[in-house]
PDB file of N, CA and C in Angstrom:
ATOM      1  N   MET A   1      15.604  38.203  -8.703  1.00  0.00           N
ATOM      2  CA  MET A   1      15.773  36.830  -8.592  1.00  0.00           C
ATOM      3  C   MET A   1      14.566  35.856  -8.511  1.00  0.00           C
ATOM      4  N   ALA A   2      13.472  36.558  -8.158  1.00  0.00           N
ATOM      5  CA  ALA A   2      12.344  35.787  -8.306  1.00  0.00           C
ATOM      6  C   ALA A   2      11.867  35.607  -9.794  1.00  0.00           C
ATOM      7  N   LYS A   3      12.066  36.618 -10.654  1.00  0.00           N
ATOM      8  CA  LYS A   3      11.633  36.519 -11.919  1.00  0.00           C
ATOM      9  C   LYS A   3      12.494  35.522 -12.632  1.00  0.00           C
ATOM     10  N   GLU A   4      13.815  35.224 -12.403  1.00  0.00           N
ATOM     11  CA  GLU A   4      14.651  34.332 -12.798  1.00  0.00           C
ATOM     12  C   GLU A   4      14.050  32.854 -12.689  1.00  0.00           C
ATOM     13  N   GLU A   5      13.489  32.641 -11.349  1.00  0.00           N
ATOM     14  CA  GLU A   5      12.982  31.225 -10.969  1.00  0.00           C
ATOM     15  C   GLU A   5      11.718  31.085 -11.862  1.00  0.00           C
ATOM     16  N   GLU A   6      10.877  32.152 -12.106  1.00  0.00           N
ATOM     17  CA  GLU A   6       9.719  31.820 -12.793  1.00  0.00           C
ATOM     18  C   GLU A   6      10.035  31.397 -14.179  1.00  0.00           C
ATOM     19  N   LYS A   7      11.124  31.919 -14.798  1.00  0.00           N
ATOM     20  CA  LYS A   7      11.486  31.469 -16.108  1.00  0.00           C
ATOM     21  C   LYS A   7      11.978  30.139 -16.106  1.00  0.00           C
ATOM     22  N   GLU A   8      12.669  29.620 -15.048  1.00  0.00           N
ATOM     23  CA  GLU A   8      13.105  28.442 -15.102  1.00  0.00           C
ATOM     24  C   GLU A   8      12.038  27.370 -15.044  1.00  0.00           C
ATOM     25  N   LYS A   9      10.877  27.593 -14.221  1.00  0.00           N
ATOM     26  CA  LYS A   9       9.977  26.789 -14.050  1.00  0.00           C
ATOM     27  C   LYS A   9       8.557  27.315 -14.722  1.00  0.00           C
ATOM     28  N   PRO A  10       8.370  26.797 -15.934  1.00  0.00           N
ATOM     29  CA  PRO A  10       7.279  27.149 -16.758  1.00  0.00           C
ATOM     30  C   PRO A  10       6.076  26.852 -16.119  1.00  0.00           C
ATOM     31  N   LYS A  11       4.879  27.488 -16.087  1.00  0.00           N
ATOM     32  CA  LYS A  11       3.796  27.010 -15.701  1.00  0.00           C
ATOM     33  C   LYS A  11       3.209  25.909 -16.591  1.00  0.00           C
ATOM     34  N   LEU A  12       2.486  24.919 -15.890  1.00  0.00           N
ATOM     35  CA  LEU A  12       1.915  23.793 -16.616  1.00  0.00           C
ATOM     36  C   LEU A  12       0.670  24.240 -17.253  1.00  0.00           C
ATOM     37  N   SER A  13       0.327  23.680 -18.399  1.00  0.00           N
ATOM     38  CA  SER A  13      -0.969  23.880 -19.089  1.00  0.00           C
ATOM     39  C   SER A  13      -2.078  23.204 -18.402  1.00  0.00           C
ATOM     40  N   ARG A  14      -3.293  23.489 -18.563  1.00  0.00           N
ATOM     41  CA  ARG A  14      -4.448  22.936 -17.966  1.00  0.00           C
ATOM     42  C   ARG A  14      -4.394  21.258 -18.253  1.00  0.00           C
ATOM     43  N   ARG A  15      -3.985  20.911 -19.372  1.00  0.00           N
ATOM     44  CA  ARG A  15      -3.986  19.595 -19.852  1.00  0.00           C
ATOM     45  C   ARG A  15      -2.938  18.793 -19.096  1.00  0.00           C
ATOM     46  N   ALA A  16      -1.802  19.472 -18.982  1.00  0.00           N
ATOM     47  CA  ALA A  16      -0.638  18.805 -18.383  1.00  0.00           C
ATOM     48  C   ALA A  16      -0.929  18.762 -16.782  1.00  0.00           C
ATOM     49  N   ARG A  17      -1.624  19.755 -16.110  1.00  0.00           N
ATOM     50  CA  ARG A  17      -1.977  19.534 -14.710  1.00  0.00           C
ATOM     51  C   ARG A  17      -3.006  18.429 -14.601  1.00  0.00           C
ATOM     52  N   LEU A  18      -4.011  18.291 -15.563  1.00  0.00           N
ATOM     53  CA  LEU A  18      -4.935  17.348 -15.484  1.00  0.00           C
ATOM     54  C   LEU A  18      -4.357  15.895 -15.635  1.00  0.00           C
ATOM     55  N   ALA A  19      -3.244  15.839 -16.401  1.00  0.00           N
ATOM     56  CA  ALA A  19      -2.620  14.528 -16.754  1.00  0.00           C
ATOM     57  C   ALA A  19      -1.767  14.223 -15.474  1.00  0.00           C
ATOM     58  N   ARG A  20      -1.209  15.053 -14.653  1.00  0.00           N
ATOM     59  CA  ARG A  20      -0.490  14.815 -13.490  1.00  0.00           C
ATOM     60  C   ARG A  20      -1.526  14.480 -12.518  1.00  0.00           C
ATOM     61  N   GLU A  21      -2.571  15.084 -12.376  1.00  0.00           N
ATOM     62  CA  GLU A  21      -3.523  14.746 -11.233  1.00  0.00           C
ATOM     63  C   GLU A  21      -4.081  13.359 -11.625  1.00  0.00           C
ATOM     64  N   PHE A  22      -4.264  13.047 -12.761  1.00  0.00           N
ATOM     65  CA  PHE A  22      -4.823  11.688 -13.304  1.00  0.00           C
ATOM     66  C   PHE A  22      -3.837  10.597 -12.899  1.00  0.00           C
ATOM     67  N   ASN A  23      -2.402  10.828 -13.132  1.00  0.00           N
ATOM     68  CA  ASN A  23      -1.401   9.949 -12.810  1.00  0.00           C
ATOM     69  C   ASN A  23      -1.325   9.584 -11.328  1.00  0.00           C
ATOM     70  N   ALA A  24      -1.412  10.737 -10.449  1.00  0.00           N
ATOM     71  CA  ALA A  24      -1.326  10.658  -9.143  1.00  0.00           C
ATOM     72  C   ALA A  24      -2.700   9.804  -8.579  1.00  0.00           C
ATOM     73  N   GLN A  25      -3.800  10.200  -9.048  1.00  0.00           N
ATOM     74  CA  GLN A  25      -4.851   9.300  -8.727  1.00  0.00           C
ATOM     75  C   GLN A  25      -4.836   7.989  -9.035  1.00  0.00           C
ATOM     76  N   PHE A  26      -4.176   7.699 -10.476  1.00  0.00           N
ATOM     77  CA  PHE A  26      -4.182   6.259 -10.903  1.00  0.00           C
ATOM     78  C   PHE A  26      -3.331   5.567  -9.939  1.00  0.00           C
ATOM     79  N   VAL A  27      -2.327   6.055  -9.551  1.00  0.00           N
ATOM     80  CA  VAL A  27      -1.235   5.361  -8.758  1.00  0.00           C
ATOM     81  C   VAL A  27      -1.925   5.118  -7.375  1.00  0.00           C
ATOM     82  N   GLU A  28      -2.465   6.219  -6.839  1.00  0.00           N
ATOM     83  CA  GLU A  28      -3.060   5.851  -5.442  1.00  0.00           C
ATOM     84  C   GLU A  28      -4.103   4.859  -5.625  1.00  0.00           C
ATOM     85  N   THR A  29      -5.047   4.797  -6.687  1.00  0.00           N
ATOM     86  CA  THR A  29      -6.067   3.771  -6.790  1.00  0.00           C
ATOM     87  C   THR A  29      -5.367   2.425  -6.978  1.00  0.00           C
ATOM     88  N   LEU A  30      -4.456   2.375  -7.860  1.00  0.00           N
ATOM     89  CA  LEU A  30      -3.841   1.235  -8.215  1.00  0.00           C
ATOM     90  C   LEU A  30      -3.097   0.464  -6.947  1.00  0.00           C
ATOM     91  N   THR A  31      -2.553   1.452  -6.281  1.00  0.00           N
ATOM     92  CA  THR A  31      -1.750   0.852  -4.797  1.00  0.00           C
ATOM     93  C   THR A  31      -2.829   0.358  -3.946  1.00  0.00           C
ATOM     94  N   THR A  32      -4.053   0.749  -3.842  1.00  0.00           N
ATOM     95  CA  THR A  32      -5.196   0.397  -3.045  1.00  0.00           C
ATOM     96  C   THR A  32      -5.560  -0.864  -3.513  1.00  0.00           C
ATOM     97  N   LEU A  33      -5.787  -1.120  -4.841  1.00  0.00           N
ATOM     98  CA  LEU A  33      -6.239  -2.406  -5.437  1.00  0.00           C
ATOM     99  C   LEU A  33      -5.158  -3.388  -5.217  1.00  0.00           C
ATOM    100  N   LEU A  34      -3.809  -3.066  -5.424  1.00  0.00           N
ATOM    101  CA  LEU A  34      -2.857  -4.002  -5.329  1.00  0.00           C
ATOM    102  C   LEU A  34      -2.700  -4.418  -3.906  1.00  0.00           C
ATOM    103  N   THR A  35      -2.921  -3.487  -2.876  1.00  0.00           N
ATOM    104  CA  THR A  35      -2.744  -3.851  -1.423  1.00  0.00           C
ATOM    105  C   THR A  35      -4.008  -4.806  -1.065  1.00  0.00           C
ATOM    106  N   THR A  36      -5.016  -4.607  -1.440  1.00  0.00           N
ATOM    107  CA  THR A  36      -6.126  -5.588  -1.181  1.00  0.00           C
ATOM    108  C   THR A  36      -5.872  -6.872  -1.915  1.00  0.00           C
ATOM    109  N   ALA A  37      -5.406  -6.873  -3.087  1.00  0.00           N
ATOM    110  CA  ALA A  37      -5.139  -8.150  -3.835  1.00  0.00           C
ATOM    111  C   ALA A  37      -4.048  -8.886  -3.153  1.00  0.00           C
ATOM    112  N   PHE A  38      -2.995  -8.156  -2.792  1.00  0.00           N
ATOM    113  CA  PHE A  38      -1.941  -8.854  -2.176  1.00  0.00           C
ATOM    114  C   PHE A  38      -2.256  -9.466  -0.768  1.00  0.00           C
ATOM    115  N   GLY A  39      -3.031  -8.762  -0.030  1.00  0.00           N
ATOM    116  CA  GLY A  39      -3.570  -9.246   1.078  1.00  0.00           C
ATOM    117  C   GLY A  39      -4.447 -10.391   0.991  1.00  0.00           C
ATOM    118  N   LEU A  40      -5.193 -10.456   0.050  1.00  0.00           N
ATOM    119  CA  LEU A  40      -5.879 -11.756  -0.365  1.00  0.00           C
ATOM    120  C   LEU A  40      -5.034 -12.916  -0.689  1.00  0.00           C
ATOM    121  N   VAL A  41      -4.111 -12.607  -1.604  1.00  0.00           N
ATOM    122  CA  VAL A  41      -3.222 -13.702  -2.129  1.00  0.00           C
ATOM    123  C   VAL A  41      -2.267 -14.249  -0.893  1.00  0.00           C
ATOM    124  N   ALA A  42      -1.956 -13.440  -0.065  1.00  0.00           N
ATOM    125  CA  ALA A  42      -1.061 -13.679   1.136  1.00  0.00           C
ATOM    126  C   ALA A  42      -1.740 -14.545   2.114  1.00  0.00           C
ATOM    127  N   ALA A  43      -3.046 -14.195   2.264  1.00  0.00           N
ATOM    128  CA  ALA A  43      -3.725 -14.872   3.156  1.00  0.00           C
ATOM    129  C   ALA A  43      -4.116 -16.489   2.687  1.00  0.00           C
ATOM    130  N   PHE A  44      -4.213 -16.517   1.461  1.00  0.00           N
ATOM    131  CA  PHE A  44      -4.395 -17.742   0.891  1.00  0.00           C
ATOM    132  C   PHE A  44      -3.192 -18.568   0.868  1.00  0.00           C
ATOM    133  N   ALA A  45      -2.021 -17.913   0.439  1.00  0.00           N
ATOM    134  CA  ALA A  45      -0.656 -18.415   0.459  1.00  0.00           C
ATOM    135  C   ALA A  45      -0.432 -19.053   1.836  1.00  0.00           C
ATOM    136  N   TRP A  46      -0.461 -18.302   2.762  1.00  0.00           N
ATOM    137  CA  TRP A  46      -0.111 -18.659   4.136  1.00  0.00           C
ATOM    138  C   TRP A  46      -1.206 -19.420   4.995  1.00  0.00           C
ATOM    139  N   ASN A  47      -2.094 -19.619   4.527  1.00  0.00           N
ATOM    140  CA  ASN A  47      -3.219 -20.092   5.294  1.00  0.00           C
ATOM    141  C   ASN A  47      -2.870 -21.526   5.893  1.00  0.00           C
ATOM    142  N   GLU A  48      -2.574 -22.365   5.075  1.00  0.00           N
ATOM    143  CA  GLU A  48      -2.321 -23.803   5.586  1.00  0.00           C
ATOM    144  C   GLU A  48      -0.927 -23.926   6.410  1.00  0.00           C
ATOM    145  N   VAL A  49      -0.052 -23.131   6.017  1.00  0.00           N
ATOM    146  CA  VAL A  49       1.397 -22.943   6.728  1.00  0.00           C
ATOM    147  C   VAL A  49       1.022 -22.580   8.253  1.00  0.00           C
ATOM    148  N   VAL A  50       0.322 -21.424   8.308  1.00  0.00           N
ATOM    149  CA  VAL A  50       0.095 -20.965   9.594  1.00  0.00           C
ATOM    150  C   VAL A  50      -0.774 -21.802  10.537  1.00  0.00           C
ATOM    151  N   LYS A  51      -1.695 -22.407   9.870  1.00  0.00           N
ATOM    152  CA  LYS A  51      -2.589 -23.245  10.444  1.00  0.00           C
ATOM    153  C   LYS A  51      -1.874 -24.545  11.075  1.00  0.00           C
ATOM    154  N   GLY A  52      -0.932 -24.991  10.030  1.00  0.00           N
ATOM    155  CA  GLY A  52      -0.109 -26.226  10.591  1.00  0.00           C
ATOM    156  C   GLY A  52       1.004 -25.775  11.801  1.00  0.00           C
ATOM    157  N   ALA A  53       1.431 -24.629  11.816  1.00  0.00           N
ATOM    158  CA  ALA A  53       2.389 -24.267  12.733  1.00  0.00           C
ATOM    159  C   ALA A  53       1.571 -24.057  14.118  1.00  0.00           C
ATOM    160  N   ILE A  54       0.264 -23.388  14.031  1.00  0.00           N
ATOM    161  CA  ILE A  54      -0.498 -23.244  15.198  1.00  0.00           C
ATOM    162  C   ILE A  54      -0.857 -24.712  15.715  1.00  0.00           C
ATOM    163  N   ASP A  55      -1.312 -25.444  14.971  1.00  0.00           N
ATOM    164  CA  ASP A  55      -1.716 -26.873  15.305  1.00  0.00           C
ATOM    165  C   ASP A  55      -0.571 -27.581  15.970  1.00  0.00           C
ATOM    166  N   LYS A  56       0.630 -27.348  15.457  1.00  0.00           N
ATOM    167  CA  LYS A  56       1.776 -27.965  16.085  1.00  0.00           C
ATOM    168  C   LYS A  56       2.138 -27.513  17.528  1.00  0.00           C
ATOM    169  N   TYR A  57       2.094 -26.261  17.610  1.00  0.00           N
ATOM    170  CA  TYR A  57       2.643 -25.643  19.008  1.00  0.00           C
ATOM    171  C   TYR A  57       1.496 -25.298  19.892  1.00  0.00           C
ATOM    172  N   ILE A  58       0.238 -25.453  19.550  1.00  0.00           N
ATOM    173  CA  ILE A  58      -0.886 -25.167  20.328  1.00  0.00           C
ATOM    174  C   ILE A  58      -1.679 -26.356  20.550  1.00  0.00           C
ATOM    175  N   ALA A  59      -2.209 -26.686  21.824  1.00  0.00           N
ATOM    176  CA  ALA A  59      -2.909 -27.928  22.115  1.00  0.00           C
ATOM    177  C   ALA A  59      -4.160 -28.002  21.001  1.00  0.00           C
ATOM    178  N   THR A  60      -4.383 -29.279  20.572  1.00  0.00           N
ATOM    179  CA  THR A  60      -5.581 -29.428  19.678  1.00  0.00           C
ATOM    180  C   THR A  60      -6.827 -29.082  19.973  1.00  0.00           C
ATOM    181  N   GLY A  61      -7.163 -29.181  21.408  1.00  0.00           N
ATOM    182  CA  GLY A  61      -8.481 -28.813  21.791  1.00  0.00           C
ATOM    183  C   GLY A  61      -8.706 -27.189  21.933  1.00  0.00           C
ATOM    184  N   SER A  62      -7.709 -26.243  21.486  1.00  0.00           N
ATOM    185  CA  SER A  62      -8.015 -24.905  21.775  1.00  0.00           C
ATOM    186  C   SER A  62      -7.930 -24.344  20.270  1.00  0.00           C
ATOM    187  N   THR A  63      -9.217 -24.685  19.714  1.00  0.00           N
ATOM    188  CA  THR A  63      -9.330 -24.221  18.340  1.00  0.00           C
ATOM    189  C   THR A  63      -9.562 -22.555  18.353  1.00  0.00           C
ATOM    190  N   LEU A  64     -10.496 -22.208  19.344  1.00  0.00           N
ATOM    191  CA  LEU A  64     -10.745 -20.665  19.394  1.00  0.00           C
ATOM    192  C   LEU A  64      -9.454 -19.929  19.482  1.00  0.00           C
ATOM    193  N   VAL A  65      -8.383 -20.334  20.220  1.00  0.00           N
ATOM    194  CA  VAL A  65      -7.213 -19.629  20.523  1.00  0.00           C
ATOM    195  C   VAL A  65      -6.403 -19.869  19.186  1.00  0.00           C
ATOM    196  N   SER A  66      -6.310 -20.934  18.611  1.00  0.00           N
ATOM    197  CA  SER A  66      -5.533 -21.223  17.354  1.00  0.00           C
ATOM    198  C   SER A  66      -6.147 -20.196  16.238  1.00  0.00           C
ATOM    199  N   GLN A  67      -7.449 -20.068  16.095  1.00  0.00           N
ATOM    200  CA  GLN A  67      -8.036 -19.083  15.102  1.00  0.00           C
ATOM    201  C   GLN A  67      -7.686 -17.683  15.415  1.00  0.00           C
ATOM    202  N   PHE A  68      -7.836 -17.395  16.752  1.00  0.00           N
ATOM    203  CA  PHE A  68      -7.459 -15.986  17.073  1.00  0.00           C
ATOM    204  C   PHE A  68      -5.900 -15.620  16.784  1.00  0.00           C
ATOM    205  N   ILE A  69      -5.025 -16.585  17.002  1.00  0.00           N
ATOM    206  CA  ILE A  69      -3.683 -16.174  16.799  1.00  0.00           C
ATOM    207  C   ILE A  69      -3.417 -16.280  15.117  1.00  0.00           C
ATOM    208  N   TYR A  70      -4.133 -17.094  14.515  1.00  0.00           N
ATOM    209  CA  TYR A  70      -3.912 -17.026  13.093  1.00  0.00           C
ATOM    210  C   TYR A  70      -4.500 -15.802  12.477  1.00  0.00           C
ATOM    211  N   ALA A  71      -5.589 -15.337  12.914  1.00  0.00           N
ATOM    212  CA  ALA A  71      -6.211 -13.943  12.515  1.00  0.00           C
ATOM    213  C   ALA A  71      -5.256 -12.817  12.892  1.00  0.00           C
ATOM    214  N   LEU A  72      -4.648 -12.926  13.909  1.00  0.00           N
ATOM    215  CA  LEU A  72      -3.654 -11.793  14.403  1.00  0.00           C
ATOM    216  C   LEU A  72      -2.429 -11.781  13.353  1.00  0.00           C
ATOM    217  N   LEU A  73      -1.845 -12.911  13.205  1.00  0.00           N
ATOM    218  CA  LEU A  73      -0.842 -13.081  12.225  1.00  0.00           C
ATOM    219  C   LEU A  73      -1.070 -12.547  10.956  1.00  0.00           C
ATOM    220  N   VAL A  74      -2.277 -12.908  10.455  1.00  0.00           N
ATOM    221  CA  VAL A  74      -2.565 -12.450   8.985  1.00  0.00           C
ATOM    222  C   VAL A  74      -2.753 -10.981   8.820  1.00  0.00           C
ATOM    223  N   THR A  75      -3.385 -10.498   9.900  1.00  0.00           N
ATOM    224  CA  THR A  75      -3.607  -9.108  10.052  1.00  0.00           C
ATOM    225  C   THR A  75      -2.355  -8.305  10.143  1.00  0.00           C
ATOM    226  N   LEU A  76      -1.513  -8.655  10.946  1.00  0.00           N
ATOM    227  CA  LEU A  76      -0.184  -8.099  11.144  1.00  0.00           C
ATOM    228  C   LEU A  76       0.592  -7.984   9.820  1.00  0.00           C
ATOM    229  N   LEU A  77       0.541  -9.237   9.035  1.00  0.00           N
ATOM    230  CA  LEU A  77       1.130  -9.135   7.739  1.00  0.00           C
ATOM    231  C   LEU A  77       0.571  -8.178   6.751  1.00  0.00           C
ATOM    232  N   ALA A  78      -0.797  -8.279   6.709  1.00  0.00           N
ATOM    233  CA  ALA A  78      -1.521  -7.239   5.861  1.00  0.00           C
ATOM    234  C   ALA A  78      -1.139  -5.728   6.320  1.00  0.00           C
ATOM    235  N   VAL A  79      -1.287  -5.459   7.477  1.00  0.00           N
ATOM    236  CA  VAL A  79      -0.831  -4.115   7.848  1.00  0.00           C
ATOM    237  C   VAL A  79       0.527  -3.602   7.415  1.00  0.00           C
ATOM    238  N   ILE A  80       1.455  -4.472   7.736  1.00  0.00           N
ATOM    239  CA  ILE A  80       2.773  -4.151   7.353  1.00  0.00           C
ATOM    240  C   ILE A  80       2.893  -4.043   5.783  1.00  0.00           C
ATOM    241  N   ILE A  81       2.462  -4.787   4.968  1.00  0.00           N
ATOM    242  CA  ILE A  81       2.407  -4.655   3.574  1.00  0.00           C
ATOM    243  C   ILE A  81       1.753  -3.219   3.038  1.00  0.00           C
ATOM    244  N   SER A  82       0.607  -3.141   3.695  1.00  0.00           N
ATOM    245  CA  SER A  82      -0.225  -1.922   3.401  1.00  0.00           C
ATOM    246  C   SER A  82       0.357  -0.568   3.783  1.00  0.00           C
ATOM    247  N   PHE A  83       1.126  -0.721   4.824  1.00  0.00           N
ATOM    248  CA  PHE A  83       1.867   0.571   5.260  1.00  0.00           C
ATOM    249  C   PHE A  83       2.997   0.907   4.342  1.00  0.00           C
ATOM    250  N   GLN A  84       3.777  -0.324   3.866  1.00  0.00           N
ATOM    251  CA  GLN A  84       4.780  -0.083   2.983  1.00  0.00           C
ATOM    252  C   GLN A  84       4.381   0.673   1.728  1.00  0.00           C
ATOM    253  N   LEU A  85       3.327   0.053   1.123  1.00  0.00           N
ATOM    254  CA  LEU A  85       2.756   0.500  -0.063  1.00  0.00           C
ATOM    255  C   LEU A  85       2.287   1.968  -0.008  1.00  0.00           C
ATOM    256  N   GLY A  86       1.689   2.239   1.126  1.00  0.00           N
ATOM    257  CA  GLY A  86       1.246   3.573   1.434  1.00  0.00           C
ATOM    258  C   GLY A  86       2.323   4.684   1.413  1.00  0.00           C
ATOM    259  N   LYS A  87       3.462   4.037   1.920  1.00  0.00           N
ATOM    260  CA  LYS A  87       4.756   4.937   1.927  1.00  0.00           C
ATOM    261  C   LYS A  87       5.234   5.212   0.534  1.00  0.00           C
ATOM    262  N   ILE A  88       5.134   4.199  -0.278  1.00  0.00           N
ATOM    263  CA  ILE A  88       5.538   4.329  -1.814  1.00  0.00           C
ATOM    264  C   ILE A  88       4.748   5.364  -2.579  1.00  0.00           C
ATOM    265  N   ALA A  89       3.323   5.223  -2.178  1.00  0.00           N
ATOM    266  CA  ALA A  89       2.258   6.045  -3.026  1.00  0.00           C
ATOM    267  C   ALA A  89       2.476   7.542  -2.438  1.00  0.00           C
ATOM    268  N   ALA A  90       2.803   7.747  -1.187  1.00  0.00           N
ATOM    269  CA  ALA A  90       3.025   9.000  -0.527  1.00  0.00           C
ATOM    270  C   ALA A  90       4.243   9.576  -1.158  1.00  0.00           C
ATOM    271  N   ILE A  91       5.424   8.996  -1.317  1.00  0.00           N
ATOM    272  CA  ILE A  91       6.419   9.449  -2.027  1.00  0.00           C
ATOM    273  C   ILE A  91       6.198   9.791  -3.526  1.00  0.00           C
ATOM    274  N   TYR A  92       5.569   9.011  -4.278  1.00  0.00           N
ATOM    275  CA  TYR A  92       5.093   9.424  -5.600  1.00  0.00           C
ATOM    276  C   TYR A  92       4.300  10.587  -5.745  1.00  0.00           C
ATOM    277  N   LYS A  93       3.279  10.722  -4.734  1.00  0.00           N
ATOM    278  CA  LYS A  93       2.486  11.915  -4.658  1.00  0.00           C
ATOM    279  C   LYS A  93       3.243  13.334  -4.423  1.00  0.00           C
ATOM    280  N   VAL A  94       4.113  13.210  -3.414  1.00  0.00           N
ATOM    281  CA  VAL A  94       4.950  14.319  -3.182  1.00  0.00           C
ATOM    282  C   VAL A  94       5.731  14.731  -4.203  1.00  0.00           C
ATOM    283  N   ASN A  95       6.471  13.941  -4.980  1.00  0.00           N
ATOM    284  CA  ASN A  95       7.179  13.978  -6.198  1.00  0.00           C
ATOM    285  C   ASN A  95       6.435  14.669  -7.269  1.00  0.00           C
ATOM    286  N   SER A  96       5.226  14.084  -7.259  1.00  0.00           N
ATOM    287  CA  SER A  96       4.230  14.710  -8.319  1.00  0.00           C
ATOM    288  C   SER A  96       3.880  16.297  -7.984  1.00  0.00           C
ATOM    289  N   ASP A  97       3.575  16.373  -6.807  1.00  0.00           N
ATOM    290  CA  ASP A  97       3.308  17.727  -6.326  1.00  0.00           C
ATOM    291  C   ASP A  97       4.344  18.708  -6.477  1.00  0.00           C
ATOM    292  N   GLU A  98       5.559  18.370  -6.175  1.00  0.00           N
ATOM    293  CA  GLU A  98       6.859  19.409  -6.380  1.00  0.00           C
ATOM    294  C   GLU A  98       6.865  19.528  -7.832  1.00  0.00           C
ATOM    295  N   ASP A  99       6.577  18.646  -8.717  1.00  0.00           N
ATOM    296  CA  ASP A  99       6.796  18.977 -10.164  1.00  0.00           C
ATOM    297  C   ASP A  99       5.689  19.882 -10.657  1.00  0.00           C
ATOM    298  N   GLY A 100       4.694  19.986  -9.991  1.00  0.00           N
ATOM    299  CA  GLY A 100       3.492  20.825 -10.323  1.00  0.00           C
ATOM    300  C   GLY A 100       3.603  22.255  -9.850  1.00  0.00           C
ATOM    301  N   GLU A 101       4.371  22.522  -8.789  1.00  0.00           N
ATOM    302  CA  GLU A 101       4.551  23.845  -8.398  1.00  0.00           C
ATOM    303  C   GLU A 101       5.266  24.842  -9.297  1.00  0.00           C
TER     304      GLU A 101
END
């Protein structure tokens, strides 16, 4: 039965393995770049909205507290998005590894 399984899954050539490794590395790098870019864009997009909400609900004199809350909210958003993109990359990598076996 083991020989039948070997026939069903032909071994990949060196070029095909390198192509798969390149694709996996490319997706991983692209995910990192997109995560960073998205974090920057999201920070700029929400900058004034979050500052306005903090100014509305927190006393005007507490600027340090406002800045701290703002930084926490932006960081939380970036972590959530990064985590989700990392899960997508991990799924792609697992699928790529399974194809290579």
